[in-house]
Amino acid sequence: MSVHNQMMKGLLDGAILGLISQGETYGYEILEKLKEKEFPEISDGSIYPVLLRLDKKGYVSTRMIKSDTGGPKRKYYSITKEGLEELKVFKEKWDLLNTGINNLMRSVDDVK
């Protein structure tokens, strides 16, 4: 797996937890919100394994709700107490990493 793919995998977990923390939502809606926020390179197939992993870790809870349009039931995701704790840790680590990377990249830009 490339460094880029590894980075995206880790960031996607935090991004999805962040979206779910804003209110109950379902997979396709999460995908659309990520695209609205200009999160790069997101496909349908990339978020469902993350949702499954977050569910198995106990960070989200799920429930099935009948579709308003008469289609199949949708699986809705809500963040759990454990998920909120994990999101807090993710945000703290992200802030530190983001500061460090930005400082490093500014120094790289100065070299040019």
Foldseek 3Di string as FASTA:
>chain_A
DDPVVVVLLVVLLLLLLVVLAVDKDFLVVSVVVCVVVVPPDDDSVNVVVSVVVCVVVVQWDWDWDQDPVRDGTTIIIHGDPVNVVVSVVVVVVCVVVVVVVVVVVVVVVVVD
